Amino acid sequence: MSSKRKTIFKMIACTIYASVIVGIISFLFTVNHNEKHPRSFIV
């Protein structure tokens, strides 16, 4: 039972970790894009 719970927790942690990385990368990409093209701030 505890091993099953551990696996579920690991999957949730990996999902959160991946989503955070994707969010940071997309945020940095958007900031760089907006700095190069200020007029396209609102997509």
N, C-alpha and C. Protein backbone atom coordinates (compact mmCIF):
# COMPACT_ATOMS: atom_id res chain seq x y z
N MET A 1 0.84 -1.20 0.00
CA MET A 1 0.00 0.00 0.00
C MET A 1 0.88 1.26 0.00
N SER A 2 1.89 1.25 0.85
CA SER A 2 2.74 2.43 0.95
C SER A 2 3.55 2.63 -0.34
N SER A 3 3.97 1.51 -0.96
CA SER A 3 4.75 1.62 -2.20
C SER A 3 3.89 2.20 -3.32
N LYS A 4 2.60 1.82 -3.35
CA LYS A 4 1.69 2.35 -4.37
C LYS A 4 1.52 3.85 -4.17
N ARG A 5 1.36 4.26 -2.92
CA ARG A 5 1.20 5.68 -2.63
C ARG A 5 2.47 6.44 -3.02
N LYS A 6 3.62 5.82 -2.79
CA LYS A 6 4.90 6.46 -3.13
C LYS A 6 4.99 6.67 -4.64
N THR A 7 4.54 5.68 -5.41
CA THR A 7 4.60 5.80 -6.87
C THR A 7 3.69 6.92 -7.35
N ILE A 8 2.49 7.01 -6.79
CA ILE A 8 1.55 8.07 -7.18
C ILE A 8 2.15 9.43 -6.84
N PHE A 9 2.75 9.54 -5.65
CA PHE A 9 3.35 10.81 -5.24
C PHE A 9 4.48 11.19 -6.19
N LYS A 10 5.26 10.19 -6.61
CA LYS A 10 6.38 10.46 -7.53
C LYS A 10 5.85 10.95 -8.87
N MET A 11 4.76 10.34 -9.36
CA MET A 11 4.18 10.77 -10.63
C MET A 11 3.67 12.20 -10.53
N ILE A 12 3.00 12.52 -9.42
CA ILE A 12 2.47 13.88 -9.24
C ILE A 12 3.63 14.88 -9.18
N ALA A 13 4.68 14.52 -8.44
CA ALA A 13 5.83 15.42 -8.31
C ALA A 13 6.48 15.66 -9.67
N CYS A 14 6.62 14.60 -10.48
CA CYS A 14 7.23 14.75 -11.80
C CYS A 14 6.37 15.64 -12.69
N THR A 15 5.04 15.48 -12.59
CA THR A 15 4.14 16.29 -13.41
C THR A 15 4.26 17.76 -13.04
N ILE A 16 4.27 18.04 -11.72
CA ILE A 16 4.39 19.43 -11.26
C ILE A 16 5.74 20.00 -11.70
N TYR A 17 6.80 19.22 -11.55
CA TYR A 17 8.15 19.66 -11.92
C TYR A 17 8.21 20.00 -13.41
N ALA A 18 7.63 19.12 -14.24
CA ALA A 18 7.65 19.35 -15.68
C ALA A 18 6.85 20.60 -16.06
N SER A 19 5.69 20.77 -15.44
CA SER A 19 4.85 21.93 -15.76
C SER A 19 5.54 23.23 -15.35
N VAL A 20 6.26 23.19 -14.22
CA VAL A 20 6.98 24.38 -13.76
C VAL A 20 8.09 24.73 -14.74
N ILE A 21 8.82 23.71 -15.21
CA ILE A 21 9.90 23.96 -16.17
C ILE A 21 9.33 24.55 -17.46
N VAL A 22 8.24 23.97 -17.95
CA VAL A 22 7.62 24.47 -19.18
C VAL A 22 7.15 25.91 -18.99
N GLY A 23 6.57 26.20 -17.83
CA GLY A 23 6.10 27.56 -17.55
C GLY A 23 7.24 28.56 -17.54
N ILE A 24 8.35 28.19 -16.90
CA ILE A 24 9.50 29.10 -16.83
C ILE A 24 10.08 29.33 -18.23
N ILE A 25 10.20 28.25 -19.02
CA ILE A 25 10.77 28.38 -20.36
C ILE A 25 9.86 29.26 -21.22
N SER A 26 8.56 29.04 -21.17
CA SER A 26 7.64 29.83 -21.98
C SER A 26 7.64 31.29 -21.52
N PHE A 27 7.77 31.51 -20.20
CA PHE A 27 7.81 32.87 -19.67
C PHE A 27 9.06 33.60 -20.17
N LEU A 28 10.21 32.92 -20.09
CA LEU A 28 11.45 33.54 -20.56
C LEU A 28 11.38 33.80 -22.06
N PHE A 29 10.82 32.86 -22.82
CA PHE A 29 10.69 33.03 -24.27
C PHE A 29 9.79 34.23 -24.58
N THR A 30 8.70 34.38 -23.83
CA THR A 30 7.78 35.49 -24.05
C THR A 30 8.46 36.81 -23.72
N VAL A 31 9.24 36.84 -22.62
CA VAL A 31 9.93 38.07 -22.24
C VAL A 31 10.94 38.46 -23.31
N ASN A 32 11.71 37.49 -23.80
CA ASN A 32 12.69 37.79 -24.85
C ASN A 32 11.99 38.26 -26.12
N HIS A 33 10.88 37.63 -26.46
CA HIS A 33 10.13 38.00 -27.66
C HIS A 33 9.58 39.42 -27.53
N ASN A 34 9.09 39.76 -26.34
CA ASN A 34 8.52 41.09 -26.13
C ASN A 34 9.60 42.15 -26.13
N GLU A 35 10.81 41.82 -25.66
CA GLU A 35 11.89 42.79 -25.67
C GLU A 35 12.33 43.09 -27.10
N LYS A 36 12.31 42.05 -27.96
CA LYS A 36 12.71 42.25 -29.35
C LYS A 36 11.60 42.94 -30.13
N HIS A 37 10.35 42.59 -29.85
CA HIS A 37 9.21 43.16 -30.56
C HIS A 37 8.23 43.74 -29.54
N PRO A 38 8.39 44.98 -29.13
CA PRO A 38 7.54 45.56 -28.08
C PRO A 38 6.07 45.67 -28.50
N ARG A 39 5.82 45.79 -29.80
CA ARG A 39 4.43 45.99 -30.25
C ARG A 39 3.61 44.72 -30.11
N SER A 40 4.28 43.55 -30.13
CA SER A 40 3.55 42.28 -30.05
C SER A 40 3.45 41.80 -28.60
N PHE A 41 3.29 42.74 -27.66
CA PHE A 41 3.19 42.36 -26.25
C PHE A 41 1.90 41.60 -26.01
N ILE A 42 0.81 42.07 -26.65
CA ILE A 42 -0.47 41.38 -26.51
C ILE A 42 -0.63 40.44 -27.70
N VAL A 43 -0.67 39.15 -27.42
CA VAL A 43 -0.78 38.16 -28.49
C VAL A 43 -2.25 37.83 -28.71
